[in-house]
C-alpha atoms as a PDB file:
ATOM      1  CA  UNK A   1       0.000   0.000   0.000  1.00  0.00           C
ATOM      2  CA  UNK A   2       2.731   2.498   0.953  1.00  0.00           C
ATOM      3  CA  UNK A   3       5.013   1.331  -1.843  1.00  0.00           C
ATOM      4  CA  UNK A   4       3.208   3.464  -4.443  1.00  0.00           C
ATOM      5  CA  UNK A   5       3.265   6.876  -2.700  1.00  0.00           C
ATOM      6  CA  UNK A   6       6.215   8.321  -4.630  1.00  0.00           C
ATOM      7  CA  UNK A   7       7.521  11.885  -4.628  1.00  0.00           C
ATOM      8  CA  UNK A   8       4.243  13.646  -5.572  1.00  0.00           C
ATOM      9  CA  UNK A   9       2.432  11.875  -2.718  1.00  0.00           C
ATOM     10  CA  UNK A  10       5.106  12.853  -0.211  1.00  0.00           C
ATOM     11  CA  UNK A  11       4.973  16.481  -1.360  1.00  0.00           C
ATOM     12  CA  UNK A  12       1.187  16.490  -0.987  1.00  0.00           C
ATOM     13  CA  UNK A  13       1.470  15.097   2.546  1.00  0.00           C
ATOM     14  CA  UNK A  14       4.099  17.719   3.425  1.00  0.00           C
ATOM     15  CA  UNK A  15       1.880  20.551   2.150  1.00  0.00           C
ATOM     16  CA  UNK A  16      -1.137  19.264   4.106  1.00  0.00           C
ATOM     17  CA  UNK A  17       0.916  18.996   7.303  1.00  0.00           C
ATOM     18  CA  UNK A  18       2.282  22.518   6.763  1.00  0.00           C
ATOM     19  CA  UNK A  19      -1.210  23.934   6.271  1.00  0.00           C
ATOM     20  CA  UNK A  20      -2.629  22.114   9.306  1.00  0.00           C
ATOM     21  CA  UNK A  21       0.114  22.894  11.801  1.00  0.00           C
ATOM     22  CA  UNK A  22       1.841  26.021  10.502  1.00  0.00           C
ATOM     23  CA  UNK A  23       5.494  26.800  10.007  1.00  0.00           C
ATOM     24  CA  UNK A  24       6.236  27.781  13.627  1.00  0.00           C
ATOM     25  CA  UNK A  25       4.785  24.650  15.152  1.00  0.00           C
ATOM     26  CA  UNK A  26       6.648  22.374  12.724  1.00  0.00           C
ATOM     27  CA  UNK A  27       9.978  24.139  13.264  1.00  0.00           C
ATOM     28  CA  UNK A  28       9.653  23.881  17.055  1.00  0.00           C
ATOM     29  CA  UNK A  29       8.730  20.204  16.713  1.00  0.00           C
ATOM     30  CA  UNK A  30      11.775  19.537  14.535  1.00  0.00           C
ATOM     31  CA  UNK A  31      13.955  21.350  17.099  1.00  0.00           C
ATOM     32  CA  UNK A  32      12.663  19.018  19.807  1.00  0.00           C
ATOM     33  CA  UNK A  33      13.300  15.997  17.584  1.00  0.00           C
ATOM     34  CA  UNK A  34      16.872  17.209  17.031  1.00  0.00           C
ATOM     35  CA  UNK A  35      17.442  17.605  20.783  1.00  0.00           C
ATOM     36  CA  UNK A  36      16.068  14.121  21.351  1.00  0.00           C
ATOM     37  CA  UNK A  37      18.387  12.588  18.760  1.00  0.00           C
ATOM     38  CA  UNK A  38      21.360  14.434  20.262  1.00  0.00           C
ATOM     39  CA  UNK A  39      20.445  13.224  23.745  1.00  0.00           C
ATOM     40  CA  UNK A  40      20.035   9.657  22.471  1.00  0.00           C
ATOM     41  CA  UNK A  41      23.461   9.693  20.808  1.00  0.00           C
ATOM     42  CA  UNK A  42      25.041  11.133  23.978  1.00  0.00           C
ATOM     43  CA  UNK A  43      23.436   8.361  26.037  1.00  0.00           C
ATOM     44  CA  UNK A  44      24.773   5.711  23.667  1.00  0.00           C
ATOM     45  CA  UNK A  45      28.258   7.211  23.866  1.00  0.00           C
ATOM     46  CA  UNK A  46      28.171   7.376  27.684  1.00  0.00           C
ATOM     47  CA  UNK A  47      26.929   3.794  27.920  1.00  0.00           C
ATOM     48  CA  UNK A  48      29.655   2.642  25.567  1.00  0.00           C
ATOM     49  CA  UNK A  49      32.313   4.432  27.633  1.00  0.00           C
ATOM     50  CA  UNK A  50      30.985   2.849  30.849  1.00  0.00           C
ATOM     51  CA  UNK A  51      31.040  -0.579  29.222  1.00  0.00           C
ATOM     52  CA  UNK A  52      34.614  -0.085  28.004  1.00  0.00           C
ATOM     53  CA  UNK A  53      35.740   1.123  31.447  1.00  0.00           C
ATOM     54  CA  UNK A  54      34.133  -1.885  33.121  1.00  0.00           C
ATOM     55  CA  UNK A  55      35.822  -4.219  30.645  1.00  0.00           C
ATOM     56  CA  UNK A  56      39.217  -2.652  31.366  1.00  0.00           C
ATOM     57  CA  UNK A  57      38.715  -3.061  35.122  1.00  0.00           C
ATOM     58  CA  UNK A  58      38.302  -6.808  34.841  1.00  0.00           C
ATOM     59  CA  UNK A  59      41.496  -8.745  35.444  1.00  0.00           C
ATOM     60  CA  UNK A  60      42.083 -11.530  32.949  1.00  0.00           C
ATOM     61  CA  UNK A  61      44.675 -14.184  33.805  1.00  0.00           C
ATOM     62  CA  UNK A  62      47.438 -14.911  31.341  1.00  0.00           C
ATOM     63  CA  UNK A  63      47.446 -18.320  29.670  1.00  0.00           C
ATOM     64  CA  UNK A  64      48.725 -20.927  32.131  1.00  0.00           C
ATOM     65  CA  UNK A  65      48.154 -18.619  35.122  1.00  0.00           C
ATOM     66  CA  UNK A  66      45.543 -19.147  37.822  1.00  0.00           C
ATOM     67  CA  UNK A  67      42.711 -16.655  38.104  1.00  0.00           C
ATOM     68  CA  UNK A  68      43.255 -14.247  40.995  1.00  0.00           C
ATOM     69  CA  UNK A  69      40.654 -13.198  43.492  1.00  0.00           C
ATOM     70  CA  UNK A  70      39.930  -9.534  42.727  1.00  0.00           C
ATOM     71  CA  UNK A  71      37.350  -8.896  45.440  1.00  0.00           C
ATOM     72  CA  UNK A  72      38.100  -5.862  47.599  1.00  0.00           C
ATOM     73  CA  UNK A  73      39.772  -6.733  50.877  1.00  0.00           C
ATOM     74  CA  UNK A  74      37.666  -5.825  53.899  1.00  0.00           C
ATOM     75  CA  UNK A  75      38.238  -6.463  57.550  1.00  0.00           C
ATOM     76  CA  UNK A  76      36.277  -9.430  58.847  1.00  0.00           C
ATOM     77  CA  UNK A  77      33.589  -8.786  61.425  1.00  0.00           C
ATOM     78  CA  UNK A  78      35.508 -10.807  64.061  1.00  0.00           C
ATOM     79  CA  UNK A  79      38.710  -8.763  63.677  1.00  0.00           C
ATOM     80  CA  UNK A  80      39.371  -6.284  66.510  1.00  0.00           C
ATOM     81  CA  UNK A  81      38.738  -2.710  65.473  1.00  0.00           C
ATOM     82  CA  UNK A  82      40.103   0.453  66.955  1.00  0.00           C
ATOM     83  CA  UNK A  83      37.779   2.034  69.509  1.00  0.00           C
ATOM     84  CA  UNK A  84      39.764   5.263  69.922  1.00  0.00           C
ATOM     85  CA  UNK A  85      37.185   8.082  69.836  1.00  0.00           C
ATOM     86  CA  UNK A  86      39.284  11.197  70.222  1.00  0.00           C
END
């Protein structure tokens, strides 16, 4: 159905939209669409950077080497802690 629109059909649709909504409304709408696309691209870039940073943080053992424990070292609950409250 939409395969036979062609250039004259698209121009007719564009003219009807322009008449119905006016030039100002369409230009403000296109500005909002542009901001949305920019925001979307920025989000993709930030997500990609976070993914790359997380991948670099992972420690990969060399071939023939045992995997190391990379969990952060914390003091166990049973270990004596300093109670100096100066």
